[in-house]
């Protein structure tokens, strides 16, 4: 059987002259070379994309680690901010004639500075919450400081000031804070702080 196949191939080749045979050999070699080049090109292309994917995965992994670290810190600062607001609400609720702002000022400054410095890595949903309420936070911080100053003036805790200057200062402060509902705004900011905490918790739930 094998001898017959060989004989048939020999007979087929005998039908071609030398020129035709050379053309067939060249065509075969060209086809082989093209196939090899395509294989090499495809292998290099796959390797290129594989390396790019590894770099992207590494970059994504580093970004995630940074985001996790920063959100953990932001969660703690948000919790402290809410605690400071709760203290202020208690003071406002009891209509005390003195407001201590050390806790609030410290918490607010750390919270605001941290967000401003790390906004680039904060998830979009939290950024939207913060950006929507940024002006309210600033206004609250200014007005609560004015309220403290007013109470100090009213209760004569600021010395070396004439009665005329005192009355002018009180008038200016009242014009600024007259329509500002401190209790309502304090509650709104406590809700904001809680909302931020919830969003951070949901972020960590998703990556578990």
N, C-alpha and C. Protein backbone atom coordinates (compact mmCIF):
# COMPACT_ATOMS: atom_id res chain seq x y z
N UNK A 1 0.84 -1.21 0.00
CA UNK A 1 0.00 0.00 0.00
C UNK A 1 0.87 1.25 0.00
N UNK A 2 1.88 1.26 0.86
CA UNK A 2 2.77 2.41 0.94
C UNK A 2 3.54 2.58 -0.36
N UNK A 3 3.94 1.45 -0.95
CA UNK A 3 4.67 1.52 -2.21
C UNK A 3 3.83 2.15 -3.31
N UNK A 4 2.55 1.84 -3.31
CA UNK A 4 1.64 2.39 -4.32
C UNK A 4 1.49 3.90 -4.16
N UNK A 5 1.39 4.35 -2.88
CA UNK A 5 1.25 5.79 -2.60
C UNK A 5 2.50 6.53 -3.05
N UNK A 6 3.67 5.94 -2.73
CA UNK A 6 4.94 6.56 -3.13
C UNK A 6 5.04 6.65 -4.64
N UNK A 7 4.62 5.53 -5.33
CA UNK A 7 4.66 5.48 -6.78
C UNK A 7 3.76 6.56 -7.39
N UNK A 8 2.54 6.75 -6.76
CA UNK A 8 1.61 7.75 -7.28
C UNK A 8 2.18 9.16 -7.13
N UNK A 9 2.87 9.39 -6.01
CA UNK A 9 3.47 10.71 -5.76
C UNK A 9 4.59 10.95 -6.77
N UNK A 10 5.39 9.87 -7.00
CA UNK A 10 6.50 9.98 -7.97
C UNK A 10 5.98 10.28 -9.36
N UNK A 11 4.89 9.60 -9.73
CA UNK A 11 4.29 9.83 -11.05
C UNK A 11 3.77 11.25 -11.17
N UNK A 12 3.16 11.76 -10.03
CA UNK A 12 2.61 13.12 -10.04
C UNK A 12 3.72 14.15 -10.20
N UNK A 13 4.84 13.92 -9.49
CA UNK A 13 5.96 14.85 -9.58
C UNK A 13 6.60 14.81 -10.96
N UNK A 14 6.58 13.62 -11.58
CA UNK A 14 7.19 13.46 -12.91
C UNK A 14 6.46 14.29 -13.96
N UNK A 15 5.21 14.59 -13.67
CA UNK A 15 4.40 15.35 -14.63
C UNK A 15 4.82 16.82 -14.66
N UNK A 16 5.49 17.27 -13.60
CA UNK A 16 5.93 18.67 -13.53
C UNK A 16 7.34 18.78 -14.08
N UNK A 17 7.60 19.84 -14.82
CA UNK A 17 8.97 20.09 -15.24
C UNK A 17 9.72 20.77 -14.10
N UNK A 18 10.97 20.96 -14.27
CA UNK A 18 11.81 21.52 -13.21
C UNK A 18 11.35 22.91 -12.77
N UNK A 19 10.90 23.72 -13.73
CA UNK A 19 10.45 25.07 -13.41
C UNK A 19 9.20 25.05 -12.53
N UNK A 20 8.25 24.22 -12.88
CA UNK A 20 7.02 24.11 -12.10
C UNK A 20 7.31 23.58 -10.70
N UNK A 21 8.22 22.64 -10.61
CA UNK A 21 8.58 22.07 -9.30
C UNK A 21 9.24 23.13 -8.42
N UNK A 22 10.08 23.94 -9.04
CA UNK A 22 10.75 25.01 -8.29
C UNK A 22 9.73 26.01 -7.74
N UNK A 23 8.73 26.31 -8.59
CA UNK A 23 7.67 27.24 -8.15
C UNK A 23 6.91 26.66 -6.96
N UNK A 24 6.60 25.38 -7.01
CA UNK A 24 5.89 24.73 -5.90
C UNK A 24 6.71 24.77 -4.62
N UNK A 25 8.02 24.51 -4.76
CA UNK A 25 8.89 24.51 -3.58
C UNK A 25 8.97 25.91 -2.97
N UNK A 26 9.12 26.91 -3.86
CA UNK A 26 9.19 28.30 -3.36
C UNK A 26 7.89 28.70 -2.68
N UNK A 27 6.76 28.33 -3.29
CA UNK A 27 5.45 28.65 -2.71
C UNK A 27 5.29 28.01 -1.33
N UNK A 28 5.77 26.75 -1.26
CA UNK A 28 5.67 26.03 0.02
C UNK A 28 6.53 26.71 1.08
N UNK A 29 7.75 27.11 0.67
CA UNK A 29 8.64 27.78 1.62
C UNK A 29 8.07 29.13 2.07
N UNK A 30 7.51 29.88 1.12
CA UNK A 30 6.90 31.16 1.47
C UNK A 30 5.74 30.98 2.45
N UNK A 31 4.91 30.00 2.16
CA UNK A 31 3.77 29.72 3.04
C UNK A 31 4.26 29.37 4.44
N UNK A 32 5.31 28.54 4.51
CA UNK A 32 5.87 28.13 5.80
C UNK A 32 6.43 29.33 6.56
N UNK A 33 7.19 30.19 5.84
CA UNK A 33 7.78 31.38 6.48
C UNK A 33 6.70 32.32 7.00
N UNK A 34 5.67 32.53 6.18
CA UNK A 34 4.56 33.42 6.60
C UNK A 34 3.86 32.86 7.84
N UNK A 35 3.65 31.56 7.85
CA UNK A 35 3.01 30.92 9.00
C UNK A 35 3.85 31.09 10.26
N UNK A 36 5.17 30.93 10.11
CA UNK A 36 6.07 31.09 11.26
C UNK A 36 6.05 32.54 11.77
N UNK A 37 6.11 33.50 10.82
CA UNK A 37 6.09 34.92 11.20
C UNK A 37 4.79 35.29 11.89
N UNK A 38 3.68 34.77 11.40
CA UNK A 38 2.37 35.04 12.02
C UNK A 38 2.34 34.49 13.45
N UNK A 39 2.91 33.29 13.62
CA UNK A 39 2.95 32.68 14.96
C UNK A 39 3.78 33.52 15.92
N UNK A 40 4.95 33.96 15.43
CA UNK A 40 5.83 34.79 16.26
C UNK A 40 5.16 36.11 16.61
N UNK A 41 4.53 36.74 15.61
CA UNK A 41 3.85 38.03 15.83
C UNK A 41 2.71 37.88 16.84
N UNK A 42 1.92 36.82 16.65
CA UNK A 42 0.79 36.58 17.56
C UNK A 42 1.28 36.34 18.98
N UNK A 43 2.37 35.59 19.13
CA UNK A 43 2.93 35.30 20.45
C UNK A 43 3.40 36.57 21.14
N UNK A 44 4.08 37.42 20.35
CA UNK A 44 4.58 38.69 20.92
C UNK A 44 3.42 39.61 21.29
N UNK A 45 2.38 39.62 20.46
CA UNK A 45 1.20 40.46 20.74
C UNK A 45 0.51 40.00 22.01
N UNK A 46 0.37 38.70 22.17
CA UNK A 46 -0.25 38.14 23.37
C UNK A 46 0.58 38.48 24.60
N UNK A 47 1.90 38.36 24.46
CA UNK A 47 2.80 38.67 25.58
C UNK A 47 2.72 40.15 25.96
N UNK A 48 2.60 41.00 24.93
CA UNK A 48 2.48 42.43 25.17
C UNK A 48 1.22 42.75 25.97
N UNK A 49 0.10 42.20 25.54
CA UNK A 49 -1.17 42.44 26.24
C UNK A 49 -1.16 41.82 27.64
N UNK A 50 -0.47 40.68 27.76
CA UNK A 50 -0.36 40.04 29.07
C UNK A 50 0.41 40.94 30.05
N UNK A 51 1.50 41.54 29.57
CA UNK A 51 2.29 42.44 30.41
C UNK A 51 1.50 43.70 30.77
N UNK A 52 0.75 44.22 29.78
CA UNK A 52 -0.08 45.39 30.04
C UNK A 52 -1.14 45.09 31.09
N UNK A 53 -1.71 43.88 30.99
CA UNK A 53 -2.74 43.47 31.94
C UNK A 53 -2.15 43.35 33.34
N UNK A 54 -0.93 42.79 33.42
CA UNK A 54 -0.27 42.66 34.72
C UNK A 54 0.00 44.03 35.34
N UNK A 55 0.45 44.98 34.49
CA UNK A 55 0.70 46.33 34.98
C UNK A 55 -0.59 46.99 35.45
N UNK A 56 -1.67 46.79 34.68
CA UNK A 56 -2.97 47.37 35.05
C UNK A 56 -3.47 46.77 36.36
N UNK A 57 -3.29 45.45 36.51
CA UNK A 57 -3.72 44.78 37.74
C UNK A 57 -2.92 45.28 38.93
N UNK A 58 -1.60 45.46 38.72
CA UNK A 58 -0.74 45.95 39.79
C UNK A 58 -1.13 47.37 40.18
N UNK A 59 -1.36 48.21 39.15
CA UNK A 59 -1.77 49.59 39.40
C UNK A 59 -3.11 49.63 40.14
N UNK A 60 -4.05 48.79 39.72
CA UNK A 60 -5.37 48.74 40.35
C UNK A 60 -5.23 48.27 41.79
N UNK A 61 -4.37 47.29 42.03
CA UNK A 61 -4.17 46.75 43.36
C UNK A 61 -3.60 47.81 44.30
N UNK A 62 -2.59 48.56 43.81
CA UNK A 62 -1.98 49.62 44.62
C UNK A 62 -3.00 50.71 44.93
N UNK A 63 -3.79 51.09 43.92
CA UNK A 63 -4.82 52.12 44.11
C UNK A 63 -5.84 51.66 45.16
N UNK A 64 -6.25 50.39 45.07
CA UNK A 64 -7.22 49.86 46.02
C UNK A 64 -6.69 49.88 47.44
N UNK A 65 -5.43 49.50 47.59
CA UNK A 65 -4.83 49.50 48.92
C UNK A 65 -4.78 50.91 49.50
N UNK A 66 -4.42 51.88 48.64
CA UNK A 66 -4.40 53.28 49.09
C UNK A 66 -5.79 53.75 49.47
N UNK A 67 -6.77 53.39 48.65
CA UNK A 67 -8.14 53.82 48.90
C UNK A 67 -8.67 53.22 50.20
N UNK A 68 -8.37 51.97 50.45
CA UNK A 68 -8.80 51.31 51.68
C UNK A 68 -8.20 52.01 52.90
N UNK A 69 -6.91 52.32 52.81
CA UNK A 69 -6.23 52.99 53.92
C UNK A 69 -6.83 54.37 54.18
N UNK A 70 -7.02 55.14 53.11
CA UNK A 70 -7.54 56.50 53.25
C UNK A 70 -8.99 56.50 53.75
N UNK A 71 -9.79 55.57 53.25
CA UNK A 71 -11.20 55.52 53.69
C UNK A 71 -11.30 55.10 55.15
N UNK A 72 -10.40 54.24 55.60
CA UNK A 72 -10.38 53.85 57.01
C UNK A 72 -10.11 55.07 57.89
N UNK A 73 -9.16 55.90 57.47
CA UNK A 73 -8.85 57.12 58.22
C UNK A 73 -10.02 58.10 58.16
N UNK A 74 -10.61 58.23 56.98
CA UNK A 74 -11.73 59.17 56.81
C UNK A 74 -12.94 58.74 57.64
N UNK A 75 -13.13 57.44 57.76
CA UNK A 75 -14.23 56.91 58.58
C UNK A 75 -14.06 57.36 60.03
N UNK A 76 -12.84 57.23 60.54
CA UNK A 76 -12.57 57.63 61.93
C UNK A 76 -12.81 59.13 62.12
N UNK A 77 -12.33 59.94 61.17
CA UNK A 77 -12.52 61.39 61.27
C UNK A 77 -13.99 61.79 61.17
N UNK A 78 -14.74 61.08 60.34
CA UNK A 78 -16.17 61.34 60.21
C UNK A 78 -16.91 61.01 61.50
N UNK A 79 -16.51 59.91 62.12
CA UNK A 79 -17.10 59.51 63.40
C UNK A 79 -16.82 60.56 64.47
N UNK A 80 -15.60 61.08 64.49
CA UNK A 80 -15.24 62.11 65.47
C UNK A 80 -15.99 63.41 65.19
N UNK A 81 -16.18 63.74 63.92
CA UNK A 81 -16.93 64.94 63.56
C UNK A 81 -18.38 64.83 64.05
N UNK A 82 -18.97 63.67 63.87
CA UNK A 82 -20.35 63.46 64.32
C UNK A 82 -20.44 63.58 65.84
N UNK A 83 -19.42 63.06 66.52
CA UNK A 83 -19.40 63.16 67.98
C UNK A 83 -19.32 64.61 68.44
N UNK A 84 -18.51 65.41 67.76
CA UNK A 84 -18.39 66.83 68.10
C UNK A 84 -19.71 67.56 67.86
N UNK A 85 -20.40 67.19 66.78
CA UNK A 85 -21.71 67.80 66.48
C UNK A 85 -22.74 67.41 67.54
N UNK A 86 -22.68 66.18 68.00
CA UNK A 86 -23.62 65.72 69.03
C UNK A 86 -23.42 66.52 70.32
N UNK A 87 -22.15 66.81 70.65
CA UNK A 87 -21.86 67.62 71.85
C UNK A 87 -22.44 69.02 71.69
N UNK A 88 -22.24 69.61 70.51
CA UNK A 88 -22.77 70.96 70.26
C UNK A 88 -24.30 70.98 70.32
N UNK A 89 -24.91 69.92 69.78
CA UNK A 89 -26.37 69.87 69.81
C UNK A 89 -26.88 69.84 71.25
N UNK A 90 -26.19 69.10 72.11
CA UNK A 90 -26.58 69.05 73.52
C UNK A 90 -26.49 70.42 74.17
N UNK A 91 -25.45 71.17 73.85
CA UNK A 91 -25.27 72.52 74.39
C UNK A 91 -26.39 73.43 73.88
N UNK A 92 -26.67 73.36 72.60
CA UNK A 92 -27.72 74.20 72.00
C UNK A 92 -29.10 73.84 72.56
N UNK A 93 -29.30 72.56 72.76
CA UNK A 93 -30.59 72.08 73.28
C UNK A 93 -30.85 72.61 74.68
N UNK A 94 -29.79 72.73 75.45
CA UNK A 94 -29.95 73.19 76.85
C UNK A 94 -29.84 74.71 76.96
N UNK A 95 -29.64 75.38 75.83
CA UNK A 95 -29.54 76.84 75.80
C UNK A 95 -28.49 77.36 76.79
N UNK A 96 -27.36 76.73 76.83
CA UNK A 96 -26.30 77.15 77.74
C UNK A 96 -25.70 78.47 77.27
N UNK A 97 -25.17 79.22 78.22
CA UNK A 97 -24.63 80.54 77.88
C UNK A 97 -23.14 80.49 77.54
N UNK A 98 -22.66 79.29 77.30
CA UNK A 98 -21.25 79.14 76.92
C UNK A 98 -21.11 77.95 75.97
N UNK A 99 -20.33 78.14 74.94
CA UNK A 99 -20.08 77.05 73.98
C UNK A 99 -18.57 76.79 73.90
N UNK A 100 -18.21 75.56 74.11
CA UNK A 100 -16.81 75.16 74.00
C UNK A 100 -16.59 74.54 72.63
N UNK A 101 -15.72 75.15 71.85
CA UNK A 101 -15.55 74.72 70.45
C UNK A 101 -14.23 73.98 70.18
N UNK A 102 -13.49 73.66 71.23
CA UNK A 102 -12.20 72.99 71.02
C UNK A 102 -12.38 71.67 70.28
N UNK A 103 -13.33 70.85 70.72
CA UNK A 103 -13.59 69.55 70.10
C UNK A 103 -14.07 69.73 68.66
N UNK A 104 -15.01 70.66 68.46
CA UNK A 104 -15.54 70.90 67.12
C UNK A 104 -14.45 71.42 66.17
N UNK A 105 -13.71 72.42 66.62
CA UNK A 105 -12.70 73.03 65.75
C UNK A 105 -11.63 72.02 65.35
N UNK A 106 -11.23 71.20 66.30
CA UNK A 106 -10.22 70.18 66.02
C UNK A 106 -10.76 69.14 65.03
N UNK A 107 -11.97 68.64 65.30
CA UNK A 107 -12.58 67.61 64.45
C UNK A 107 -12.85 68.14 63.05
N UNK A 108 -13.39 69.35 62.97
CA UNK A 108 -13.73 69.93 61.67
C UNK A 108 -12.48 70.19 60.83
N UNK A 109 -11.45 70.74 61.46
CA UNK A 109 -10.21 71.04 60.73
C UNK A 109 -9.56 69.77 60.19
N UNK A 110 -9.46 68.75 61.02
CA UNK A 110 -8.86 67.47 60.58
C UNK A 110 -9.70 66.84 59.46
N UNK A 111 -11.01 66.87 59.63
CA UNK A 111 -11.93 66.30 58.65
C UNK A 111 -11.81 67.03 57.31
N UNK A 112 -11.87 68.35 57.35
CA UNK A 112 -11.85 69.14 56.12
C UNK A 112 -10.49 69.05 55.41
N UNK A 113 -9.41 69.13 56.18
CA UNK A 113 -8.06 69.05 55.60
C UNK A 113 -7.83 67.68 54.95
N UNK A 114 -8.28 66.64 55.63
CA UNK A 114 -8.08 65.29 55.10
C UNK A 114 -8.85 65.11 53.79
N UNK A 115 -10.09 65.56 53.76
CA UNK A 115 -10.90 65.40 52.54
C UNK A 115 -10.29 66.20 51.38
N UNK A 116 -9.87 67.43 51.65
CA UNK A 116 -9.29 68.28 50.60
C UNK A 116 -8.02 67.65 50.03
N UNK A 117 -7.20 67.05 50.90
CA UNK A 117 -5.93 66.47 50.46
C UNK A 117 -6.12 65.13 49.75
N UNK A 118 -7.18 64.41 50.08
CA UNK A 118 -7.35 63.05 49.56
C UNK A 118 -8.60 62.87 48.69
N UNK A 119 -9.15 63.98 48.24
CA UNK A 119 -10.37 63.93 47.44
C UNK A 119 -10.21 63.06 46.20
N UNK A 120 -9.00 63.06 45.62
CA UNK A 120 -8.75 62.32 44.37
C UNK A 120 -8.99 60.82 44.51
N UNK A 121 -8.89 60.31 45.74
CA UNK A 121 -8.99 58.86 45.93
C UNK A 121 -10.32 58.45 46.59
N UNK A 122 -11.13 59.44 46.96
CA UNK A 122 -12.42 59.17 47.60
C UNK A 122 -13.43 58.71 46.55
N UNK A 123 -14.22 57.66 46.82
CA UNK A 123 -15.23 57.18 45.86
C UNK A 123 -16.21 58.29 45.45
N UNK A 124 -16.72 58.18 44.25
CA UNK A 124 -17.58 59.21 43.67
C UNK A 124 -18.81 59.53 44.52
N UNK A 125 -19.46 58.51 45.06
CA UNK A 125 -20.70 58.75 45.83
C UNK A 125 -20.43 59.60 47.07
N UNK A 126 -19.28 59.39 47.70
CA UNK A 126 -18.93 60.17 48.89
C UNK A 126 -18.54 61.60 48.48
N UNK A 127 -17.83 61.72 47.36
CA UNK A 127 -17.47 63.05 46.87
C UNK A 127 -18.71 63.88 46.55
N UNK A 128 -19.71 63.23 45.99
CA UNK A 128 -20.96 63.95 45.67
C UNK A 128 -21.63 64.45 46.95
N UNK A 129 -21.63 63.62 47.99
CA UNK A 129 -22.19 64.02 49.27
C UNK A 129 -21.43 65.22 49.85
N UNK A 130 -20.11 65.13 49.82
CA UNK A 130 -19.28 66.18 50.38
C UNK A 130 -19.41 67.47 49.59
N UNK A 131 -19.35 67.37 48.29
CA UNK A 131 -19.39 68.59 47.46
C UNK A 131 -20.74 69.29 47.56
N UNK A 132 -21.79 68.51 47.73
CA UNK A 132 -23.13 69.08 47.86
C UNK A 132 -23.27 69.87 49.17
N UNK A 133 -22.59 69.39 50.22
CA UNK A 133 -22.75 69.99 51.56
C UNK A 133 -21.54 70.79 52.02
N UNK A 134 -20.58 71.00 51.12
CA UNK A 134 -19.36 71.71 51.49
C UNK A 134 -19.65 73.11 52.03
N UNK A 135 -20.49 73.85 51.32
CA UNK A 135 -20.80 75.22 51.75
C UNK A 135 -21.52 75.26 53.09
N UNK A 136 -22.37 74.27 53.33
CA UNK A 136 -23.07 74.20 54.61
C UNK A 136 -22.09 73.98 55.76
N UNK A 137 -21.11 73.12 55.56
CA UNK A 137 -20.08 72.89 56.57
C UNK A 137 -19.30 74.17 56.88
N UNK A 138 -18.92 74.87 55.82
CA UNK A 138 -18.15 76.11 56.01
C UNK A 138 -19.00 77.16 56.74
N UNK A 139 -20.24 77.30 56.29
CA UNK A 139 -21.12 78.29 56.91
C UNK A 139 -21.39 77.95 58.38
N UNK A 140 -21.59 76.67 58.65
CA UNK A 140 -21.84 76.25 60.03
C UNK A 140 -20.63 76.57 60.91
N UNK A 141 -19.44 76.28 60.41
CA UNK A 141 -18.23 76.53 61.18
C UNK A 141 -18.06 78.01 61.49
N UNK A 142 -18.35 78.86 60.51
CA UNK A 142 -18.25 80.31 60.72
C UNK A 142 -19.29 80.78 61.73
N UNK A 143 -20.53 80.33 61.56
CA UNK A 143 -21.62 80.82 62.41
C UNK A 143 -21.54 80.31 63.84
N UNK A 144 -21.07 79.07 64.02
CA UNK A 144 -20.96 78.56 65.39
C UNK A 144 -19.86 79.33 66.15
N UNK A 145 -18.84 79.78 65.41
CA UNK A 145 -17.79 80.60 66.02
C UNK A 145 -18.34 81.98 66.40
N UNK A 146 -19.20 82.51 65.53
CA UNK A 146 -19.85 83.80 65.83
C UNK A 146 -20.77 83.68 67.03
N UNK A 147 -21.49 82.56 67.13
CA UNK A 147 -22.38 82.35 68.27
C UNK A 147 -21.57 82.28 69.57
N UNK A 148 -20.44 81.62 69.53
CA UNK A 148 -19.57 81.55 70.71
C UNK A 148 -19.13 82.96 71.11
N UNK A 149 -18.73 83.75 70.10
CA UNK A 149 -18.29 85.13 70.39
C UNK A 149 -19.43 85.96 70.97
N UNK A 150 -20.64 85.76 70.44
CA UNK A 150 -21.80 86.50 70.96
C UNK A 150 -22.05 86.17 72.43
N UNK A 151 -22.01 84.90 72.77
CA UNK A 151 -22.24 84.47 74.15
C UNK A 151 -21.16 85.01 75.09
N UNK A 152 -19.94 85.08 74.58
CA UNK A 152 -18.86 85.63 75.40
C UNK A 152 -19.05 87.13 75.63
N UNK A 153 -19.55 87.83 74.62
CA UNK A 153 -19.82 89.26 74.76
C UNK A 153 -20.98 89.51 75.73
N UNK A 154 -22.05 88.73 75.53
CA UNK A 154 -23.24 88.88 76.37
C UNK A 154 -22.92 88.61 77.83
N UNK A 155 -22.08 87.63 78.07
CA UNK A 155 -21.76 87.23 79.44
C UNK A 155 -20.45 87.85 79.95
N UNK A 156 -20.02 88.91 79.28
CA UNK A 156 -18.85 89.69 79.70
C UNK A 156 -17.58 88.85 79.85
N UNK A 157 -17.39 87.92 78.95
CA UNK A 157 -16.16 87.12 79.02
C UNK A 157 -15.05 87.73 78.16
N UNK A 158 -15.39 88.73 77.37
CA UNK A 158 -14.39 89.44 76.58
C UNK A 158 -14.14 90.79 77.24
N UNK A 159 -12.94 90.96 77.73
CA UNK A 159 -12.60 92.18 78.46
C UNK A 159 -11.96 93.20 77.51
N UNK A 160 -11.61 94.32 78.06
CA UNK A 160 -10.94 95.38 77.31
C UNK A 160 -11.72 95.77 76.05
N UNK A 161 -13.01 95.90 76.19
CA UNK A 161 -13.86 96.35 75.10
C UNK A 161 -14.91 97.30 75.65
N UNK A 162 -15.10 98.41 74.97
CA UNK A 162 -16.06 99.41 75.44
C UNK A 162 -17.49 98.93 75.18
N UNK A 163 -18.42 99.49 75.90
CA UNK A 163 -19.82 99.12 75.73
C UNK A 163 -20.28 99.42 74.31
N UNK A 164 -19.80 100.54 73.75
CA UNK A 164 -20.19 100.90 72.39
C UNK A 164 -19.70 99.85 71.39
N UNK A 165 -18.44 99.45 71.53
CA UNK A 165 -17.89 98.44 70.62
C UNK A 165 -18.58 97.10 70.82
N UNK A 166 -18.91 96.83 72.06
CA UNK A 166 -19.60 95.57 72.37
C UNK A 166 -20.96 95.51 71.68
N UNK A 167 -21.71 96.59 71.76
CA UNK A 167 -23.03 96.64 71.13
C UNK A 167 -22.93 96.55 69.60
N UNK A 168 -21.92 97.20 69.04
CA UNK A 168 -21.71 97.12 67.59
C UNK A 168 -21.39 95.70 67.16
N UNK A 169 -20.52 95.06 67.93
CA UNK A 169 -20.14 93.68 67.61
C UNK A 169 -21.34 92.74 67.70
N UNK A 170 -22.15 92.94 68.72
CA UNK A 170 -23.34 92.10 68.88
C UNK A 170 -24.31 92.30 67.72
N UNK A 171 -24.44 93.55 67.29
CA UNK A 171 -25.34 93.84 66.17
C UNK A 171 -24.85 93.17 64.89
N UNK A 172 -23.56 93.26 64.65
CA UNK A 172 -22.98 92.64 63.45
C UNK A 172 -23.15 91.12 63.48
N UNK A 173 -22.92 90.54 64.64
CA UNK A 173 -23.05 89.09 64.77
C UNK A 173 -24.50 88.66 64.56
N UNK A 174 -25.41 89.40 65.17
CA UNK A 174 -26.83 89.06 65.02
C UNK A 174 -27.28 89.14 63.57
N UNK A 175 -26.75 90.11 62.84
CA UNK A 175 -27.11 90.24 61.43
C UNK A 175 -26.63 89.02 60.62
N UNK A 176 -25.54 88.45 61.06
CA UNK A 176 -24.96 87.31 60.35
C UNK A 176 -25.70 86.01 60.68
N UNK A 177 -26.06 85.84 61.95
CA UNK A 177 -26.57 84.53 62.38
C UNK A 177 -28.07 84.53 62.69
N UNK A 178 -28.72 85.66 62.47
CA UNK A 178 -30.13 85.79 62.85
C UNK A 178 -31.00 84.69 62.26
N UNK A 179 -30.81 84.39 60.96
CA UNK A 179 -31.68 83.42 60.29
C UNK A 179 -31.07 82.02 60.23
N UNK A 180 -29.98 81.84 60.94
CA UNK A 180 -29.33 80.53 60.92
C UNK A 180 -29.89 79.65 62.04
N UNK A 181 -30.53 78.56 61.67
CA UNK A 181 -31.12 77.64 62.65
C UNK A 181 -30.04 76.63 63.08
N UNK A 182 -29.41 76.91 64.21
CA UNK A 182 -28.27 76.09 64.65
C UNK A 182 -28.65 74.64 64.93
N UNK A 183 -29.76 74.45 65.61
CA UNK A 183 -30.18 73.08 65.94
C UNK A 183 -30.46 72.26 64.67
N UNK A 184 -31.21 72.88 63.76
CA UNK A 184 -31.55 72.20 62.51
C UNK A 184 -30.30 71.86 61.70
N UNK A 185 -29.38 72.84 61.59
CA UNK A 185 -28.17 72.63 60.81
C UNK A 185 -27.25 71.60 61.47
N UNK A 186 -27.25 71.58 62.79
CA UNK A 186 -26.44 70.59 63.51
C UNK A 186 -26.94 69.19 63.21
N UNK A 187 -28.27 69.03 63.23
CA UNK A 187 -28.86 67.73 62.92
C UNK A 187 -28.57 67.33 61.47
N UNK A 188 -28.67 68.27 60.55
CA UNK A 188 -28.40 67.98 59.13
C UNK A 188 -26.96 67.51 58.93
N UNK A 189 -26.03 68.14 59.63
CA UNK A 189 -24.63 67.74 59.50
C UNK A 189 -24.36 66.40 60.17
N UNK A 190 -25.08 66.10 61.23
CA UNK A 190 -24.96 64.77 61.86
C UNK A 190 -25.47 63.70 60.90
N UNK A 191 -26.56 64.01 60.19
CA UNK A 191 -27.09 63.07 59.18
C UNK A 191 -26.09 62.90 58.05
N UNK A 192 -25.45 64.00 57.64
CA UNK A 192 -24.42 63.94 56.59
C UNK A 192 -23.28 63.03 57.03
N UNK A 193 -22.80 63.22 58.25
CA UNK A 193 -21.70 62.40 58.77
C UNK A 193 -22.09 60.92 58.80
N UNK A 194 -23.31 60.64 59.21
CA UNK A 194 -23.78 59.26 59.26
C UNK A 194 -23.88 58.68 57.84
N UNK A 195 -24.33 59.49 56.89
CA UNK A 195 -24.44 59.04 55.50
C UNK A 195 -23.07 58.68 54.93
N UNK A 196 -22.07 59.50 55.24
CA UNK A 196 -20.71 59.22 54.79
C UNK A 196 -20.21 57.92 55.39
N UNK A 197 -20.47 57.72 56.67
CA UNK A 197 -20.07 56.47 57.33
C UNK A 197 -20.71 55.26 56.65
N UNK A 198 -21.99 55.38 56.35
CA UNK A 198 -22.71 54.27 55.71
C UNK A 198 -22.11 53.96 54.34
N UNK A 199 -21.79 54.99 53.56
CA UNK A 199 -21.20 54.78 52.24
C UNK A 199 -19.84 54.09 52.34
N UNK A 200 -19.08 54.47 53.34
CA UNK A 200 -17.77 53.82 53.53
C UNK A 200 -17.95 52.36 53.94
N UNK A 201 -18.92 52.10 54.81
CA UNK A 201 -19.21 50.73 55.24
C UNK A 201 -19.64 49.88 54.04
N UNK A 202 -20.47 50.46 53.17
CA UNK A 202 -20.93 49.72 51.98
C UNK A 202 -19.77 49.43 51.05
N UNK A 203 -18.83 50.36 50.95
CA UNK A 203 -17.63 50.15 50.12
C UNK A 203 -16.86 48.92 50.62
N UNK A 204 -16.66 48.83 51.93
CA UNK A 204 -15.93 47.70 52.49
C UNK A 204 -16.71 46.40 52.38
N UNK A 205 -18.03 46.49 52.44
CA UNK A 205 -18.85 45.28 52.27
C UNK A 205 -18.67 44.70 50.86
N UNK A 206 -18.53 45.59 49.86
CA UNK A 206 -18.40 45.13 48.48
C UNK A 206 -17.07 44.42 48.20
N UNK A 207 -16.03 44.81 48.92
CA UNK A 207 -14.70 44.23 48.64
C UNK A 207 -14.38 43.04 49.52
N UNK A 208 -15.29 42.65 50.38
CA UNK A 208 -15.03 41.47 51.24
C UNK A 208 -15.00 40.20 50.39
